[in-house]
N, C-alpha and C. Protein backbone atom coordinates (compact mmCIF):
# COMPACT_ATOMS: atom_id res chain seq x y z
N MET A 1 0.86 -1.18 0.00
CA MET A 1 0.00 0.00 0.00
C MET A 1 0.90 1.24 0.00
N SER A 2 0.58 2.22 -0.78
CA SER A 2 1.40 3.42 -0.87
C SER A 2 1.20 4.33 0.33
N ALA A 3 2.16 5.21 0.54
CA ALA A 3 2.08 6.15 1.66
C ALA A 3 0.91 7.11 1.53
N SER A 4 0.39 7.28 0.32
CA SER A 4 -0.71 8.21 0.11
C SER A 4 -2.07 7.51 0.09
N ALA A 5 -2.12 6.25 0.50
CA ALA A 5 -3.37 5.50 0.48
C ALA A 5 -4.42 6.16 1.37
N SER A 6 -5.65 6.16 0.88
CA SER A 6 -6.75 6.77 1.62
C SER A 6 -7.17 5.88 2.79
N PRO A 7 -7.54 6.48 3.92
CA PRO A 7 -8.03 5.69 5.05
C PRO A 7 -9.51 5.29 4.94
N VAL A 8 -10.19 5.72 3.87
CA VAL A 8 -11.61 5.39 3.71
C VAL A 8 -11.77 3.88 3.67
N GLY A 9 -12.69 3.38 4.48
CA GLY A 9 -12.93 1.95 4.59
C GLY A 9 -12.13 1.27 5.68
N CYS A 10 -11.17 1.97 6.25
CA CYS A 10 -10.36 1.41 7.34
C CYS A 10 -11.11 1.51 8.66
N TYR A 11 -10.77 0.61 9.56
CA TYR A 11 -11.40 0.59 10.88
C TYR A 11 -10.52 1.27 11.90
N GLY A 12 -11.17 1.79 12.95
CA GLY A 12 -10.42 2.45 14.01
C GLY A 12 -11.18 2.42 15.31
N ARG A 13 -10.57 3.04 16.32
CA ARG A 13 -11.17 3.14 17.65
C ARG A 13 -10.93 4.55 18.16
N ILE A 14 -11.98 5.15 18.71
CA ILE A 14 -11.89 6.48 19.31
C ILE A 14 -10.97 6.38 20.53
N THR A 15 -10.07 7.35 20.69
CA THR A 15 -9.14 7.31 21.81
C THR A 15 -9.85 7.63 23.13
N SER A 16 -9.17 7.33 24.24
CA SER A 16 -9.77 7.54 25.56
C SER A 16 -10.11 9.00 25.82
N ALA A 17 -9.31 9.91 25.30
CA ALA A 17 -9.55 11.35 25.51
C ALA A 17 -10.12 12.02 24.27
N GLY A 18 -10.41 11.24 23.23
CA GLY A 18 -10.78 11.83 21.95
C GLY A 18 -12.23 11.70 21.57
N ALA A 19 -13.13 11.65 22.55
CA ALA A 19 -14.56 11.52 22.24
C ALA A 19 -15.01 12.60 21.27
N ILE A 20 -15.87 12.23 20.35
CA ILE A 20 -16.39 13.16 19.35
C ILE A 20 -17.70 13.73 19.87
N ARG A 21 -17.82 15.06 19.84
CA ARG A 21 -19.03 15.76 20.25
C ARG A 21 -19.51 16.62 19.09
N PRO A 22 -20.81 16.91 19.02
CA PRO A 22 -21.32 17.75 17.93
C PRO A 22 -20.55 19.08 17.84
N GLY A 23 -20.06 19.40 16.66
CA GLY A 23 -19.34 20.64 16.45
C GLY A 23 -17.89 20.62 16.89
N HIS A 24 -17.41 19.50 17.39
CA HIS A 24 -16.03 19.40 17.88
C HIS A 24 -15.34 18.19 17.28
N LEU A 25 -14.04 18.32 17.08
CA LEU A 25 -13.25 17.20 16.60
C LEU A 25 -12.89 16.26 17.74
N GLY A 26 -12.76 14.99 17.41
CA GLY A 26 -12.26 14.00 18.34
C GLY A 26 -10.98 13.41 17.76
N GLU A 27 -10.56 12.28 18.31
CA GLU A 27 -9.36 11.61 17.82
C GLU A 27 -9.64 10.13 17.67
N VAL A 28 -9.15 9.57 16.57
CA VAL A 28 -9.33 8.15 16.30
C VAL A 28 -7.99 7.55 15.88
N MET A 29 -7.74 6.34 16.33
CA MET A 29 -6.58 5.57 15.90
C MET A 29 -7.07 4.63 14.81
N VAL A 30 -6.50 4.76 13.61
CA VAL A 30 -6.96 4.01 12.44
C VAL A 30 -5.89 3.00 12.02
N SER A 31 -6.32 1.77 11.76
CA SER A 31 -5.43 0.74 11.22
C SER A 31 -5.26 1.00 9.73
N ILE A 32 -4.04 1.37 9.33
CA ILE A 32 -3.77 1.72 7.94
C ILE A 32 -2.29 1.53 7.63
N ARG A 33 -1.99 1.19 6.40
CA ARG A 33 -0.61 1.06 5.92
C ARG A 33 0.24 0.13 6.78
N GLY A 34 -0.35 -0.94 7.29
CA GLY A 34 0.39 -1.91 8.09
C GLY A 34 0.67 -1.48 9.52
N GLY A 35 0.04 -0.41 9.96
CA GLY A 35 0.24 0.08 11.32
C GLY A 35 -1.02 0.77 11.82
N VAL A 36 -0.83 1.67 12.78
CA VAL A 36 -1.94 2.43 13.34
C VAL A 36 -1.53 3.90 13.36
N GLU A 37 -2.43 4.77 12.86
CA GLU A 37 -2.15 6.20 12.82
C GLU A 37 -3.28 6.98 13.46
N ALA A 38 -2.94 8.12 14.06
CA ALA A 38 -3.93 9.00 14.68
C ALA A 38 -4.46 9.99 13.65
N PHE A 39 -5.77 10.22 13.69
CA PHE A 39 -6.42 11.20 12.84
C PHE A 39 -7.39 12.01 13.69
N LEU A 40 -7.60 13.28 13.31
CA LEU A 40 -8.70 14.05 13.88
C LEU A 40 -9.97 13.46 13.29
N ALA A 41 -11.06 13.46 14.06
CA ALA A 41 -12.26 12.78 13.59
C ALA A 41 -13.53 13.57 13.89
N LYS A 42 -14.48 13.44 12.96
CA LYS A 42 -15.83 13.96 13.12
C LYS A 42 -16.80 12.84 12.84
N ASP A 43 -17.95 12.86 13.51
CA ASP A 43 -19.01 11.90 13.22
C ASP A 43 -19.66 12.32 11.90
N VAL A 44 -19.78 11.40 10.97
CA VAL A 44 -20.35 11.71 9.66
C VAL A 44 -21.78 12.22 9.77
N ASP A 45 -22.50 11.82 10.83
CA ASP A 45 -23.88 12.26 11.03
C ASP A 45 -23.99 13.49 11.93
N GLY A 46 -22.85 14.02 12.38
CA GLY A 46 -22.85 15.22 13.23
C GLY A 46 -23.18 14.96 14.68
N GLY A 47 -23.19 13.71 15.10
CA GLY A 47 -23.52 13.36 16.48
C GLY A 47 -22.30 13.16 17.35
N SER A 48 -22.50 12.38 18.40
CA SER A 48 -21.44 12.07 19.37
C SER A 48 -21.02 10.62 19.24
N ILE A 49 -19.75 10.38 19.48
CA ILE A 49 -19.22 9.02 19.57
C ILE A 49 -18.28 9.01 20.77
N GLY A 50 -18.50 8.09 21.67
CA GLY A 50 -17.75 8.05 22.92
C GLY A 50 -16.39 7.39 22.80
N PRO A 51 -15.58 7.54 23.86
CA PRO A 51 -14.27 6.91 23.90
C PRO A 51 -14.36 5.40 23.72
N TYR A 52 -13.36 4.84 23.08
CA TYR A 52 -13.18 3.39 22.87
C TYR A 52 -14.17 2.77 21.89
N GLU A 53 -15.08 3.54 21.30
CA GLU A 53 -16.02 2.96 20.34
C GLU A 53 -15.30 2.65 19.03
N GLU A 54 -15.69 1.53 18.41
CA GLU A 54 -15.13 1.15 17.12
C GLU A 54 -15.88 1.86 16.01
N VAL A 55 -15.10 2.33 15.02
CA VAL A 55 -15.67 3.11 13.93
C VAL A 55 -15.06 2.67 12.60
N VAL A 56 -15.70 3.10 11.51
CA VAL A 56 -15.16 2.91 10.17
C VAL A 56 -15.06 4.30 9.53
N VAL A 57 -13.99 4.52 8.78
CA VAL A 57 -13.79 5.81 8.10
C VAL A 57 -14.63 5.81 6.83
N VAL A 58 -15.47 6.84 6.67
CA VAL A 58 -16.33 6.93 5.49
C VAL A 58 -15.96 8.09 4.56
N LYS A 59 -15.16 9.04 5.07
CA LYS A 59 -14.74 10.17 4.25
C LYS A 59 -13.40 10.67 4.78
N TYR A 60 -12.55 11.12 3.87
CA TYR A 60 -11.22 11.61 4.24
C TYR A 60 -11.06 13.04 3.77
N ASP A 61 -10.63 13.92 4.69
CA ASP A 61 -10.38 15.32 4.38
C ASP A 61 -8.89 15.58 4.68
N PRO A 62 -8.02 15.48 3.66
CA PRO A 62 -6.58 15.61 3.88
C PRO A 62 -6.23 16.92 4.57
N PRO A 63 -5.18 16.97 5.37
CA PRO A 63 -4.23 15.90 5.52
C PRO A 63 -4.53 14.91 6.64
N ARG A 64 -5.24 15.29 7.72
CA ARG A 64 -5.37 14.37 8.86
C ARG A 64 -6.76 14.32 9.47
N THR A 65 -7.81 14.67 8.74
CA THR A 65 -9.17 14.64 9.29
C THR A 65 -9.98 13.58 8.57
N VAL A 66 -10.71 12.80 9.36
CA VAL A 66 -11.58 11.76 8.79
C VAL A 66 -12.99 11.92 9.37
N TYR A 67 -13.96 11.47 8.59
CA TYR A 67 -15.35 11.40 9.04
C TYR A 67 -15.64 9.93 9.28
N VAL A 68 -16.18 9.62 10.45
CA VAL A 68 -16.35 8.22 10.84
C VAL A 68 -17.80 7.91 11.19
N SER A 69 -18.10 6.62 11.19
CA SER A 69 -19.41 6.12 11.59
C SER A 69 -19.19 4.93 12.51
N ARG A 70 -20.06 4.79 13.49
CA ARG A 70 -19.98 3.62 14.38
C ARG A 70 -20.10 2.34 13.58
N ILE A 71 -19.45 1.30 14.06
CA ILE A 71 -19.60 -0.03 13.47
C ILE A 71 -20.72 -0.71 14.25
N ASP A 72 -21.78 -1.10 13.54
CA ASP A 72 -22.88 -1.77 14.23
C ASP A 72 -22.64 -3.28 14.28
N ASP A 73 -23.50 -3.98 14.99
CA ASP A 73 -23.33 -5.41 15.21
C ASP A 73 -23.36 -6.22 13.91
N SER A 74 -24.12 -5.78 12.91
CA SER A 74 -24.17 -6.53 11.65
C SER A 74 -22.82 -6.49 10.94
N VAL A 75 -22.14 -5.36 10.99
CA VAL A 75 -20.82 -5.26 10.37
C VAL A 75 -19.83 -6.13 11.13
N ARG A 76 -19.89 -6.12 12.45
CA ARG A 76 -18.97 -6.94 13.25
C ARG A 76 -19.14 -8.42 12.92
N SER A 77 -20.38 -8.90 12.77
CA SER A 77 -20.61 -10.31 12.50
C SER A 77 -20.09 -10.69 11.11
N ILE A 78 -20.23 -9.81 10.13
CA ILE A 78 -19.71 -10.07 8.79
C ILE A 78 -18.18 -10.15 8.82
N GLU A 79 -17.55 -9.22 9.54
CA GLU A 79 -16.09 -9.20 9.63
C GLU A 79 -15.57 -10.45 10.34
N GLN A 80 -16.27 -10.93 11.35
CA GLN A 80 -15.82 -12.11 12.09
C GLN A 80 -15.93 -13.37 11.24
N GLU A 81 -16.83 -13.40 10.26
CA GLU A 81 -16.99 -14.56 9.39
C GLU A 81 -15.87 -14.66 8.36
N ARG A 82 -15.18 -13.56 8.09
CA ARG A 82 -14.10 -13.57 7.08
C ARG A 82 -12.90 -14.32 7.56
C-alpha cells in the first residue's frame, strides 16, 4: 500500500480522551498502511461518539481529518466470518 493510500474503509477506535461531540473534533486511531495512525475525527452524522467505540472511516479530508461512523453489530458479524 502506498504512503498516500486513503483511510476510507479502514477501521479504528476512538481514543480515551478523543470523544467526538457535535461541532467538535475528536481523535481516532486508524489501522492503515500496516500500522496504526492517529487522525482528527468527526461523526459523519454530526452526532457524538464516545471513547473506545469502534468506527469505520467513510470520508477523508486531507491531511489528517476523517469522518467516521460507528460499526454496528451486523458489520462486526460479517467481519468475524471472514
